[in-house]
Amino acid sequence: MPQFQEDRTYRLGFNDLAVGFSWFVMGLFKKVVLADRFAPTADLVFAAHGATTCGTAWIGVLSYALQLYFDFSGYCDMACGLARMLSIDFLSISARLTSFQYIDFWQRWHMS
């Protein structure tokens, strides 16, 4: 990985600390505030096995899907933020999403 051969990698920079910390805080917000708000609803619906209506079941499924999304998204943001605080930039999502063919997208997506 070429970025580890750069001299700036092994130094803490104020810009990297600021961006990484804000990224970490956004991830923590997703996990603690958003994901944990959907968890009680999903748990309540899935605990009432046969006593749910179709609408209640859909609310439970959507709550669980949003809980999972915000959990994993928050964890990923926290990991990216910690890496950025250490001047490691291992995600370049914008480069991956600019491909115009499926094969090119697949190769770019699996480069890390």
PDB file of N, CA and C in Angstrom:
ATOM      1  N   MET A   1       0.831  -1.161   0.000  1.00  0.00           N
ATOM      2  CA  MET A   1       0.000   0.000   0.000  1.00  0.00           C
ATOM      3  C   MET A   1       0.889   1.242   0.000  1.00  0.00           C
ATOM      4  N   PRO A   2       0.786   2.026  -1.030  1.00  0.00           N
ATOM      5  CA  PRO A   2       1.688   3.175  -1.172  1.00  0.00           C
ATOM      6  C   PRO A   2       1.565   4.222  -0.070  1.00  0.00           C
ATOM      7  N   GLN A   3       0.406   4.356   0.563  1.00  0.00           N
ATOM      8  CA  GLN A   3       0.260   5.408   1.556  1.00  0.00           C
ATOM      9  C   GLN A   3       1.104   5.157   2.796  1.00  0.00           C
ATOM     10  N   PHE A   4       1.493   3.903   3.055  1.00  0.00           N
ATOM     11  CA  PHE A   4       2.325   3.624   4.216  1.00  0.00           C
ATOM     12  C   PHE A   4       3.790   3.952   3.961  1.00  0.00           C
ATOM     13  N   GLN A   5       4.136   4.188   2.712  1.00  0.00           N
ATOM     14  CA  GLN A   5       5.503   4.586   2.388  1.00  0.00           C
ATOM     15  C   GLN A   5       5.667   6.101   2.428  1.00  0.00           C
ATOM     16  N   GLU A   6       4.572   6.839   2.498  1.00  0.00           N
ATOM     17  CA  GLU A   6       4.638   8.288   2.592  1.00  0.00           C
ATOM     18  C   GLU A   6       5.094   8.697   3.988  1.00  0.00           C
ATOM     19  N   ASP A   7       5.777   9.806   4.049  1.00  0.00           N
ATOM     20  CA  ASP A   7       6.306  10.285   5.320  1.00  0.00           C
ATOM     21  C   ASP A   7       5.203  10.797   6.247  1.00  0.00           C
ATOM     22  N   ARG A   8       4.100  11.314   5.679  1.00  0.00           N
ATOM     23  CA  ARG A   8       3.033  11.881   6.499  1.00  0.00           C
ATOM     24  C   ARG A   8       2.243  10.820   7.245  1.00  0.00           C
ATOM     25  N   THR A   9       2.369   9.557   6.869  1.00  0.00           N
ATOM     26  CA  THR A   9       1.574   8.496   7.476  1.00  0.00           C
ATOM     27  C   THR A   9       1.904   8.316   8.950  1.00  0.00           C
ATOM     28  N   TYR A  10       3.139   8.514   9.304  1.00  0.00           N
ATOM     29  CA  TYR A  10       3.555   8.232  10.674  1.00  0.00           C
ATOM     30  C   TYR A  10       3.584   9.477  11.557  1.00  0.00           C
ATOM     31  N   ARG A  11       2.862  10.511  11.121  1.00  0.00           N
ATOM     32  CA  ARG A  11       2.749  11.724  11.919  1.00  0.00           C
ATOM     33  C   ARG A  11       1.270  12.029  12.137  1.00  0.00           C
ATOM     34  N   LEU A  12       0.980  12.524  13.306  1.00  0.00           N
ATOM     35  CA  LEU A  12      -0.391  12.931  13.584  1.00  0.00           C
ATOM     36  C   LEU A  12      -0.581  14.367  13.099  1.00  0.00           C
ATOM     37  N   GLY A  13      -1.570  14.555  12.254  1.00  0.00           N
ATOM     38  CA  GLY A  13      -1.858  15.891  11.750  1.00  0.00           C
ATOM     39  C   GLY A  13      -3.158  16.406  12.329  1.00  0.00           C
ATOM     40  N   PHE A  14      -3.221  17.700  12.522  1.00  0.00           N
ATOM     41  CA  PHE A  14      -4.425  18.299  13.095  1.00  0.00           C
ATOM     42  C   PHE A  14      -5.629  18.065  12.183  1.00  0.00           C
ATOM     43  N   ASN A  15      -5.434  18.194  10.880  1.00  0.00           N
ATOM     44  CA  ASN A  15      -6.535  17.991   9.935  1.00  0.00           C
ATOM     45  C   ASN A  15      -7.053  16.555  10.005  1.00  0.00           C
ATOM     46  N   ASP A  16      -6.137  15.587  10.040  1.00  0.00           N
ATOM     47  CA  ASP A  16      -6.558  14.188  10.136  1.00  0.00           C
ATOM     48  C   ASP A  16      -7.259  13.900  11.456  1.00  0.00           C
ATOM     49  N   LEU A  17      -6.768  14.489  12.541  1.00  0.00           N
ATOM     50  CA  LEU A  17      -7.422  14.295  13.841  1.00  0.00           C
ATOM     51  C   LEU A  17      -8.825  14.900  13.851  1.00  0.00           C
ATOM     52  N   ALA A  18      -8.958  16.083  13.279  1.00  0.00           N
ATOM     53  CA  ALA A  18     -10.265  16.752  13.280  1.00  0.00           C
ATOM     54  C   ALA A  18     -11.272  16.007  12.413  1.00  0.00           C
ATOM     55  N   VAL A  19     -10.865  15.636  11.205  1.00  0.00           N
ATOM     56  CA  VAL A  19     -11.769  14.914  10.305  1.00  0.00           C
ATOM     57  C   VAL A  19     -12.091  13.537  10.872  1.00  0.00           C
ATOM     58  N   GLY A  20     -11.088  12.844  11.382  1.00  0.00           N
ATOM     59  CA  GLY A  20     -11.303  11.517  11.942  1.00  0.00           C
ATOM     60  C   GLY A  20     -12.189  11.538  13.169  1.00  0.00           C
ATOM     61  N   PHE A  21     -11.995  12.532  14.024  1.00  0.00           N
ATOM     62  CA  PHE A  21     -12.816  12.628  15.220  1.00  0.00           C
ATOM     63  C   PHE A  21     -14.274  12.917  14.872  1.00  0.00           C
ATOM     64  N   SER A  22     -14.482  13.818  13.912  1.00  0.00           N
ATOM     65  CA  SER A  22     -15.869  14.112  13.525  1.00  0.00           C
ATOM     66  C   SER A  22     -16.519  12.901  12.863  1.00  0.00           C
ATOM     67  N   TRP A  23     -15.756  12.150  12.084  1.00  0.00           N
ATOM     68  CA  TRP A  23     -16.280  10.936  11.458  1.00  0.00           C
ATOM     69  C   TRP A  23     -16.628   9.907  12.543  1.00  0.00           C
ATOM     70  N   PHE A  24     -15.760   9.785  13.545  1.00  0.00           N
ATOM     71  CA  PHE A  24     -16.009   8.860  14.652  1.00  0.00           C
ATOM     72  C   PHE A  24     -17.262   9.256  15.420  1.00  0.00           C
ATOM     73  N   VAL A  25     -17.438  10.551  15.678  1.00  0.00           N
ATOM     74  CA  VAL A  25     -18.607  11.025  16.423  1.00  0.00           C
ATOM     75  C   VAL A  25     -19.890  10.786  15.627  1.00  0.00           C
ATOM     76  N   MET A  26     -19.831  10.974  14.308  1.00  0.00           N
ATOM     77  CA  MET A  26     -21.015  10.678  13.486  1.00  0.00           C
ATOM     78  C   MET A  26     -21.370   9.200  13.560  1.00  0.00           C
ATOM     79  N   GLY A  27     -20.370   8.337  13.533  1.00  0.00           N
ATOM     80  CA  GLY A  27     -20.627   6.904  13.665  1.00  0.00           C
ATOM     81  C   GLY A  27     -21.189   6.537  15.019  1.00  0.00           C
ATOM     82  N   LEU A  28     -20.658   7.168  16.055  1.00  0.00           N
ATOM     83  CA  LEU A  28     -21.168   6.926  17.402  1.00  0.00           C
ATOM     84  C   LEU A  28     -22.614   7.406  17.524  1.00  0.00           C
ATOM     85  N   PHE A  29     -22.934   8.522  16.884  1.00  0.00           N
ATOM     86  CA  PHE A  29     -24.308   9.023  16.872  1.00  0.00           C
ATOM     87  C   PHE A  29     -25.231   8.025  16.178  1.00  0.00           C
ATOM     88  N   LYS A  30     -24.800   7.474  15.039  1.00  0.00           N
ATOM     89  CA  LYS A  30     -25.626   6.491  14.341  1.00  0.00           C
ATOM     90  C   LYS A  30     -25.893   5.282  15.222  1.00  0.00           C
ATOM     91  N   LYS A  31     -24.869   4.833  15.930  1.00  0.00           N
ATOM     92  CA  LYS A  31     -25.014   3.640  16.752  1.00  0.00           C
ATOM     93  C   LYS A  31     -25.868   3.913  17.983  1.00  0.00           C
ATOM     94  N   VAL A  32     -25.509   4.929  18.736  1.00  0.00           N
ATOM     95  CA  VAL A  32     -26.146   5.150  20.039  1.00  0.00           C
ATOM     96  C   VAL A  32     -27.534   5.763  19.902  1.00  0.00           C
ATOM     97  N   VAL A  33     -27.678   6.751  19.048  1.00  0.00           N
ATOM     98  CA  VAL A  33     -28.951   7.459  18.969  1.00  0.00           C
ATOM     99  C   VAL A  33     -29.905   6.787  17.994  1.00  0.00           C
ATOM    100  N   LEU A  34     -29.454   6.533  16.775  1.00  0.00           N
ATOM    101  CA  LEU A  34     -30.378   6.025  15.764  1.00  0.00           C
ATOM    102  C   LEU A  34     -30.648   4.533  15.893  1.00  0.00           C
ATOM    103  N   ALA A  35     -29.595   3.720  15.929  1.00  0.00           N
ATOM    104  CA  ALA A  35     -29.799   2.268  15.968  1.00  0.00           C
ATOM    105  C   ALA A  35     -30.482   1.818  17.252  1.00  0.00           C
ATOM    106  N   ASP A  36     -30.083   2.415  18.343  1.00  0.00           N
ATOM    107  CA  ASP A  36     -30.666   1.999  19.618  1.00  0.00           C
ATOM    108  C   ASP A  36     -32.098   2.487  19.800  1.00  0.00           C
ATOM    109  N   ARG A  37     -32.543   3.433  18.997  1.00  0.00           N
ATOM    110  CA  ARG A  37     -33.959   3.854  19.032  1.00  0.00           C
ATOM    111  C   ARG A  37     -34.862   2.833  18.348  1.00  0.00           C
ATOM    112  N   PHE A  38     -34.338   2.153  17.327  1.00  0.00           N
ATOM    113  CA  PHE A  38     -35.138   1.161  16.612  1.00  0.00           C
ATOM    114  C   PHE A  38     -35.134  -0.205  17.300  1.00  0.00           C
ATOM    115  N   ALA A  39     -34.159  -0.465  18.145  1.00  0.00           N
ATOM    116  CA  ALA A  39     -34.024  -1.779  18.780  1.00  0.00           C
ATOM    117  C   ALA A  39     -35.217  -2.170  19.651  1.00  0.00           C
ATOM    118  N   PRO A  40     -35.741  -1.317  20.527  1.00  0.00           N
ATOM    119  CA  PRO A  40     -36.876  -1.756  21.359  1.00  0.00           C
ATOM    120  C   PRO A  40     -38.116  -2.116  20.548  1.00  0.00           C
ATOM    121  N   THR A  41     -38.372  -1.379  19.479  1.00  0.00           N
ATOM    122  CA  THR A  41     -39.533  -1.691  18.643  1.00  0.00           C
ATOM    123  C   THR A  41     -39.368  -3.047  17.973  1.00  0.00           C
ATOM    124  N   ALA A  42     -38.193  -3.285  17.421  1.00  0.00           N
ATOM    125  CA  ALA A  42     -37.937  -4.568  16.762  1.00  0.00           C
ATOM    126  C   ALA A  42     -38.004  -5.713  17.767  1.00  0.00           C
ATOM    127  N   ASP A  43     -37.427  -5.517  18.950  1.00  0.00           N
ATOM    128  CA  ASP A  43     -37.460  -6.559  19.976  1.00  0.00           C
ATOM    129  C   ASP A  43     -38.881  -6.855  20.435  1.00  0.00           C
ATOM    130  N   LEU A  44     -39.685  -5.827  20.590  1.00  0.00           N
ATOM    131  CA  LEU A  44     -41.068  -6.002  21.038  1.00  0.00           C
ATOM    132  C   LEU A  44     -41.882  -6.781  20.013  1.00  0.00           C
ATOM    133  N   VAL A  45     -41.721  -6.458  18.737  1.00  0.00           N
ATOM    134  CA  VAL A  45     -42.489  -7.152  17.692  1.00  0.00           C
ATOM    135  C   VAL A  45     -42.043  -8.600  17.569  1.00  0.00           C
ATOM    136  N   PHE A  46     -40.747  -8.847  17.607  1.00  0.00           N
ATOM    137  CA  PHE A  46     -40.269 -10.220  17.457  1.00  0.00           C
ATOM    138  C   PHE A  46     -40.498 -11.061  18.711  1.00  0.00           C
ATOM    139  N   ALA A  47     -40.731 -10.429  19.853  1.00  0.00           N
ATOM    140  CA  ALA A  47     -41.026 -11.178  21.075  1.00  0.00           C
ATOM    141  C   ALA A  47     -42.474 -11.685  21.082  1.00  0.00           C
ATOM    142  N   ALA A  48     -43.370 -10.979  20.396  1.00  0.00           N
ATOM    143  CA  ALA A  48     -44.772 -11.396  20.318  1.00  0.00           C
ATOM    144  C   ALA A  48     -44.961 -12.259  19.075  1.00  0.00           C
ATOM    145  N   HIS A  49     -44.592 -13.512  19.163  1.00  0.00           N
ATOM    146  CA  HIS A  49     -44.507 -14.410  18.001  1.00  0.00           C
ATOM    147  C   HIS A  49     -45.772 -14.436  17.153  1.00  0.00           C
ATOM    148  N   GLY A  50     -46.847 -14.929  17.675  1.00  0.00           N
ATOM    149  CA  GLY A  50     -48.033 -15.116  16.860  1.00  0.00           C
ATOM    150  C   GLY A  50     -49.087 -14.038  17.036  1.00  0.00           C
ATOM    151  N   ALA A  51     -48.852 -13.103  17.902  1.00  0.00           N
ATOM    152  CA  ALA A  51     -49.867 -12.098  18.206  1.00  0.00           C
ATOM    153  C   ALA A  51     -49.635 -10.796  17.452  1.00  0.00           C
ATOM    154  N   THR A  52     -49.118 -10.881  16.249  1.00  0.00           N
ATOM    155  CA  THR A  52     -48.864  -9.663  15.479  1.00  0.00           C
ATOM    156  C   THR A  52     -49.753  -9.632  14.244  1.00  0.00           C
ATOM    157  N   THR A  53     -50.114  -8.434  13.861  1.00  0.00           N
ATOM    158  CA  THR A  53     -50.855  -8.257  12.620  1.00  0.00           C
ATOM    159  C   THR A  53     -49.854  -8.021  11.490  1.00  0.00           C
ATOM    160  N   CYS A  54     -50.372  -7.930  10.293  1.00  0.00           N
ATOM    161  CA  CYS A  54     -49.498  -7.710   9.143  1.00  0.00           C
ATOM    162  C   CYS A  54     -48.779  -6.362   9.257  1.00  0.00           C
ATOM    163  N   GLY A  55     -49.493  -5.338   9.657  1.00  0.00           N
ATOM    164  CA  GLY A  55     -48.886  -4.023   9.815  1.00  0.00           C
ATOM    165  C   GLY A  55     -47.825  -3.992  10.899  1.00  0.00           C
ATOM    166  N   THR A  56     -48.118  -4.654  12.021  1.00  0.00           N
ATOM    167  CA  THR A  56     -47.154  -4.717  13.114  1.00  0.00           C
ATOM    168  C   THR A  56     -45.910  -5.493  12.701  1.00  0.00           C
ATOM    169  N   ALA A  57     -46.110  -6.548  11.944  1.00  0.00           N
ATOM    170  CA  ALA A  57     -44.964  -7.324  11.467  1.00  0.00           C
ATOM    171  C   ALA A  57     -44.082  -6.487  10.544  1.00  0.00           C
ATOM    172  N   TRP A  58     -44.695  -5.684   9.677  1.00  0.00           N
ATOM    173  CA  TRP A  58     -43.914  -4.816   8.794  1.00  0.00           C
ATOM    174  C   TRP A  58     -43.154  -3.758   9.589  1.00  0.00           C
ATOM    175  N   ILE A  59     -43.772  -3.230  10.618  1.00  0.00           N
ATOM    176  CA  ILE A  59     -43.077  -2.261  11.477  1.00  0.00           C
ATOM    177  C   ILE A  59     -41.874  -2.928  12.139  1.00  0.00           C
ATOM    178  N   GLY A  60     -42.040  -4.158  12.584  1.00  0.00           N
ATOM    179  CA  GLY A  60     -40.931  -4.890  13.194  1.00  0.00           C
ATOM    180  C   GLY A  60     -39.812  -5.163  12.208  1.00  0.00           C
ATOM    181  N   VAL A  61     -40.174  -5.565  10.998  1.00  0.00           N
ATOM    182  CA  VAL A  61     -39.158  -5.855   9.977  1.00  0.00           C
ATOM    183  C   VAL A  61     -38.394  -4.590   9.601  1.00  0.00           C
ATOM    184  N   LEU A  62     -39.111  -3.495   9.392  1.00  0.00           N
ATOM    185  CA  LEU A  62     -38.451  -2.239   9.033  1.00  0.00           C
ATOM    186  C   LEU A  62     -37.605  -1.695  10.185  1.00  0.00           C
ATOM    187  N   SER A  63     -38.099  -1.839  11.399  1.00  0.00           N
ATOM    188  CA  SER A  63     -37.314  -1.401  12.555  1.00  0.00           C
ATOM    189  C   SER A  63     -36.028  -2.204  12.680  1.00  0.00           C
ATOM    190  N   TYR A  64     -36.125  -3.501  12.460  1.00  0.00           N
ATOM    191  CA  TYR A  64     -34.937  -4.350  12.552  1.00  0.00           C
ATOM    192  C   TYR A  64     -33.954  -4.038  11.423  1.00  0.00           C
ATOM    193  N   ALA A  65     -34.473  -3.799  10.220  1.00  0.00           N
ATOM    194  CA  ALA A  65     -33.598  -3.465   9.095  1.00  0.00           C
ATOM    195  C   ALA A  65     -32.875  -2.144   9.345  1.00  0.00           C
ATOM    196  N   LEU A  66     -33.588  -1.144   9.857  1.00  0.00           N
ATOM    197  CA  LEU A  66     -32.956   0.134  10.153  1.00  0.00           C
ATOM    198  C   LEU A  66     -31.970   0.019  11.310  1.00  0.00           C
ATOM    199  N   GLN A  67     -32.294  -0.813  12.280  1.00  0.00           N
ATOM    200  CA  GLN A  67     -31.364  -1.034  13.393  1.00  0.00           C
ATOM    201  C   GLN A  67     -30.068  -1.648  12.880  1.00  0.00           C
ATOM    202  N   LEU A  68     -30.163  -2.666  12.045  1.00  0.00           N
ATOM    203  CA  LEU A  68     -28.964  -3.294  11.490  1.00  0.00           C
ATOM    204  C   LEU A  68     -28.158  -2.318  10.645  1.00  0.00           C
ATOM    205  N   TYR A  69     -28.861  -1.557   9.804  1.00  0.00           N
ATOM    206  CA  TYR A  69     -28.165  -0.612   8.942  1.00  0.00           C
ATOM    207  C   TYR A  69     -27.389   0.415   9.763  1.00  0.00           C
ATOM    208  N   PHE A  70     -28.055   1.039  10.732  1.00  0.00           N
ATOM    209  CA  PHE A  70     -27.386   2.071  11.507  1.00  0.00           C
ATOM    210  C   PHE A  70     -26.314   1.494  12.427  1.00  0.00           C
ATOM    211  N   ASP A  71     -26.493   0.254  12.905  1.00  0.00           N
ATOM    212  CA  ASP A  71     -25.430  -0.400  13.679  1.00  0.00           C
ATOM    213  C   ASP A  71     -24.169  -0.554  12.841  1.00  0.00           C
ATOM    214  N   PHE A  72     -24.289  -1.232  11.707  1.00  0.00           N
ATOM    215  CA  PHE A  72     -23.110  -1.501  10.887  1.00  0.00           C
ATOM    216  C   PHE A  72     -22.540  -0.237  10.266  1.00  0.00           C
ATOM    217  N   SER A  73     -23.400   0.680   9.866  1.00  0.00           N
ATOM    218  CA  SER A  73     -22.916   1.937   9.314  1.00  0.00           C
ATOM    219  C   SER A  73     -22.172   2.746  10.374  1.00  0.00           C
ATOM    220  N   GLY A  74     -22.688   2.738  11.580  1.00  0.00           N
ATOM    221  CA  GLY A  74     -22.016   3.438  12.670  1.00  0.00           C
ATOM    222  C   GLY A  74     -20.677   2.818  13.011  1.00  0.00           C
ATOM    223  N   TYR A  75     -20.629   1.483  13.071  1.00  0.00           N
ATOM    224  CA  TYR A  75     -19.362   0.816  13.350  1.00  0.00           C
ATOM    225  C   TYR A  75     -18.331   1.097  12.260  1.00  0.00           C
ATOM    226  N   CYS A  76     -18.759   1.074  11.015  1.00  0.00           N
ATOM    227  CA  CYS A  76     -17.839   1.366   9.906  1.00  0.00           C
ATOM    228  C   CYS A  76     -17.342   2.804   9.978  1.00  0.00           C
ATOM    229  N   ASP A  77     -18.230   3.737  10.284  1.00  0.00           N
ATOM    230  CA  ASP A  77     -17.816   5.129  10.406  1.00  0.00           C
ATOM    231  C   ASP A  77     -16.836   5.320  11.565  1.00  0.00           C
ATOM    232  N   MET A  78     -17.070   4.623  12.669  1.00  0.00           N
ATOM    233  CA  MET A  78     -16.154   4.737  13.795  1.00  0.00           C
ATOM    234  C   MET A  78     -14.783   4.170  13.439  1.00  0.00           C
ATOM    235  N   ALA A  79     -14.752   3.057  12.725  1.00  0.00           N
ATOM    236  CA  ALA A  79     -13.470   2.473  12.311  1.00  0.00           C
ATOM    237  C   ALA A  79     -12.745   3.389  11.332  1.00  0.00           C
ATOM    238  N   CYS A  80     -13.473   3.962  10.387  1.00  0.00           N
ATOM    239  CA  CYS A  80     -12.861   4.893   9.430  1.00  0.00           C
ATOM    240  C   CYS A  80     -12.357   6.138  10.135  1.00  0.00           C
ATOM    241  N   GLY A  81     -13.100   6.605  11.125  1.00  0.00           N
ATOM    242  CA  GLY A  81     -12.669   7.781  11.874  1.00  0.00           C
ATOM    243  C   GLY A  81     -11.404   7.527  12.673  1.00  0.00           C
ATOM    244  N   LEU A  82     -11.330   6.369  13.320  1.00  0.00           N
ATOM    245  CA  LEU A  82     -10.108   6.038  14.059  1.00  0.00           C
ATOM    246  C   LEU A  82      -8.918   5.903  13.121  1.00  0.00           C
ATOM    247  N   ALA A  83      -9.132   5.289  11.974  1.00  0.00           N
ATOM    248  CA  ALA A  83      -8.039   5.155  11.005  1.00  0.00           C
ATOM    249  C   ALA A  83      -7.605   6.524  10.503  1.00  0.00           C
ATOM    250  N   ARG A  84      -8.563   7.388  10.236  1.00  0.00           N
ATOM    251  CA  ARG A  84      -8.215   8.725   9.748  1.00  0.00           C
ATOM    252  C   ARG A  84      -7.474   9.527  10.807  1.00  0.00           C
ATOM    253  N   MET A  85      -7.818   9.332  12.088  1.00  0.00           N
ATOM    254  CA  MET A  85      -7.087  10.009  13.148  1.00  0.00           C
ATOM    255  C   MET A  85      -5.621   9.600  13.154  1.00  0.00           C
ATOM    256  N   LEU A  86      -5.340   8.382  12.700  1.00  0.00           N
ATOM    257  CA  LEU A  86      -3.965   7.898  12.612  1.00  0.00           C
ATOM    258  C   LEU A  86      -3.371   8.127  11.226  1.00  0.00           C
ATOM    259  N   SER A  87      -4.011   8.986  10.432  1.00  0.00           N
ATOM    260  CA  SER A  87      -3.565   9.362   9.075  1.00  0.00           C
ATOM    261  C   SER A  87      -3.594   8.194   8.098  1.00  0.00           C
ATOM    262  N   ILE A  88      -4.488   7.255   8.320  1.00  0.00           N
ATOM    263  CA  ILE A  88      -4.662   6.140   7.397  1.00  0.00           C
ATOM    264  C   ILE A  88      -5.965   6.364   6.657  1.00  0.00           C
ATOM    265  N   ASP A  89      -5.890   6.428   5.346  1.00  0.00           N
ATOM    266  CA  ASP A  89      -7.073   6.636   4.523  1.00  0.00           C
ATOM    267  C   ASP A  89      -7.256   5.382   3.676  1.00  0.00           C
ATOM    268  N   PHE A  90      -8.023   4.444   4.182  1.00  0.00           N
ATOM    269  CA  PHE A  90      -8.155   3.171   3.471  1.00  0.00           C
ATOM    270  C   PHE A  90      -9.450   3.043   2.694  1.00  0.00           C
ATOM    271  N   LEU A  91     -10.265   4.062   2.689  1.00  0.00           N
ATOM    272  CA  LEU A  91     -11.489   4.010   1.905  1.00  0.00           C
ATOM    273  C   LEU A  91     -11.487   5.106   0.864  1.00  0.00           C
ATOM    274  N   SER A  92     -11.732   4.723  -0.357  1.00  0.00           N
ATOM    275  CA  SER A  92     -11.939   5.718  -1.405  1.00  0.00           C
ATOM    276  C   SER A  92     -13.203   5.311  -2.153  1.00  0.00           C
ATOM    277  N   ILE A  93     -14.331   5.500  -1.488  1.00  0.00           N
ATOM    278  CA  ILE A  93     -15.623   5.098  -2.025  1.00  0.00           C
ATOM    279  C   ILE A  93     -15.922   5.824  -3.328  1.00  0.00           C
ATOM    280  N   SER A  94     -15.533   7.082  -3.412  1.00  0.00           N
ATOM    281  CA  SER A  94     -15.860   7.839  -4.617  1.00  0.00           C
ATOM    282  C   SER A  94     -15.208   7.229  -5.847  1.00  0.00           C
ATOM    283  N   ALA A  95     -14.009   6.693  -5.708  1.00  0.00           N
ATOM    284  CA  ALA A  95     -13.351   6.069  -6.853  1.00  0.00           C
ATOM    285  C   ALA A  95     -14.046   4.765  -7.239  1.00  0.00           C
ATOM    286  N   ARG A  96     -14.625   4.102  -6.276  1.00  0.00           N
ATOM    287  CA  ARG A  96     -15.287   2.831  -6.564  1.00  0.00           C
ATOM    288  C   ARG A  96     -16.615   3.039  -7.273  1.00  0.00           C
ATOM    289  N   LEU A  97     -17.292   4.108  -6.949  1.00  0.00           N
ATOM    290  CA  LEU A  97     -18.621   4.313  -7.494  1.00  0.00           C
ATOM    291  C   LEU A  97     -18.627   5.041  -8.829  1.00  0.00           C
ATOM    292  N   THR A  98     -17.464   5.387  -9.360  1.00  0.00           N
ATOM    293  CA  THR A  98     -17.410   6.096 -10.636  1.00  0.00           C
ATOM    294  C   THR A  98     -17.272   5.160 -11.826  1.00  0.00           C
ATOM    295  N   SER A  99     -17.320   3.873 -11.619  1.00  0.00           N
ATOM    296  CA  SER A  99     -17.186   2.935 -12.730  1.00  0.00           C
ATOM    297  C   SER A  99     -18.490   2.860 -13.526  1.00  0.00           C
ATOM    298  N   PHE A 100     -18.343   2.568 -14.798  1.00  0.00           N
ATOM    299  CA  PHE A 100     -19.505   2.517 -15.678  1.00  0.00           C
ATOM    300  C   PHE A 100     -19.877   1.092 -16.081  1.00  0.00           C
ATOM    301  N   GLN A 101     -19.034   0.131 -15.796  1.00  0.00           N
ATOM    302  CA  GLN A 101     -19.314  -1.260 -16.123  1.00  0.00           C
ATOM    303  C   GLN A 101     -19.317  -2.078 -14.843  1.00  0.00           C
ATOM    304  N   TYR A 102     -20.090  -3.148 -14.856  1.00  0.00           N
ATOM    305  CA  TYR A 102     -20.217  -3.976 -13.660  1.00  0.00           C
ATOM    306  C   TYR A 102     -18.891  -4.612 -13.278  1.00  0.00           C
ATOM    307  N   ILE A 103     -18.127  -5.094 -14.249  1.00  0.00           N
ATOM    308  CA  ILE A 103     -16.853  -5.754 -13.954  1.00  0.00           C
ATOM    309  C   ILE A 103     -15.872  -4.759 -13.343  1.00  0.00           C
ATOM    310  N   ASP A 104     -15.836  -3.551 -13.883  1.00  0.00           N
ATOM    311  CA  ASP A 104     -14.963  -2.517 -13.340  1.00  0.00           C
ATOM    312  C   ASP A 104     -15.381  -2.149 -11.915  1.00  0.00           C
ATOM    313  N   PHE A 105     -16.686  -2.032 -11.678  1.00  0.00           N
ATOM    314  CA  PHE A 105     -17.188  -1.753 -10.332  1.00  0.00           C
ATOM    315  C   PHE A 105     -16.781  -2.858  -9.371  1.00  0.00           C
ATOM    316  N   TRP A 106     -16.920  -4.111  -9.781  1.00  0.00           N
ATOM    317  CA  TRP A 106     -16.592  -5.243  -8.918  1.00  0.00           C
ATOM    318  C   TRP A 106     -15.106  -5.252  -8.563  1.00  0.00           C
ATOM    319  N   GLN A 107     -14.263  -4.961  -9.538  1.00  0.00           N
ATOM    320  CA  GLN A 107     -12.817  -4.938  -9.269  1.00  0.00           C
ATOM    321  C   GLN A 107     -12.449  -3.777  -8.353  1.00  0.00           C
ATOM    322  N   ARG A 108     -13.072  -2.624  -8.541  1.00  0.00           N
ATOM    323  CA  ARG A 108     -12.780  -1.494  -7.676  1.00  0.00           C
ATOM    324  C   ARG A 108     -13.304  -1.719  -6.264  1.00  0.00           C
ATOM    325  N   TRP A 109     -14.460  -2.355  -6.163  1.00  0.00           N
ATOM    326  CA  TRP A 109     -15.054  -2.571  -4.840  1.00  0.00           C
ATOM    327  C   TRP A 109     -14.233  -3.530  -4.011  1.00  0.00           C
ATOM    328  N   HIS A 110     -13.608  -4.517  -4.632  1.00  0.00           N
ATOM    329  CA  HIS A 110     -12.846  -5.528  -3.903  1.00  0.00           C
ATOM    330  C   HIS A 110     -11.345  -5.227  -3.879  1.00  0.00           C
ATOM    331  N   MET A 111     -10.982  -3.969  -3.993  1.00  0.00           N
ATOM    332  CA  MET A 111      -9.566  -3.658  -3.995  1.00  0.00           C
ATOM    333  C   MET A 111      -8.981  -3.525  -2.581  1.00  0.00           C
ATOM    334  N   SER A 112      -9.824  -3.413  -1.576  1.00  0.00           N
ATOM    335  CA  SER A 112      -9.270  -3.267  -0.230  1.00  0.00           C
ATOM    336  C   SER A 112      -9.421  -4.544   0.563  1.00  0.00           C
TER     337      SER A 112
END
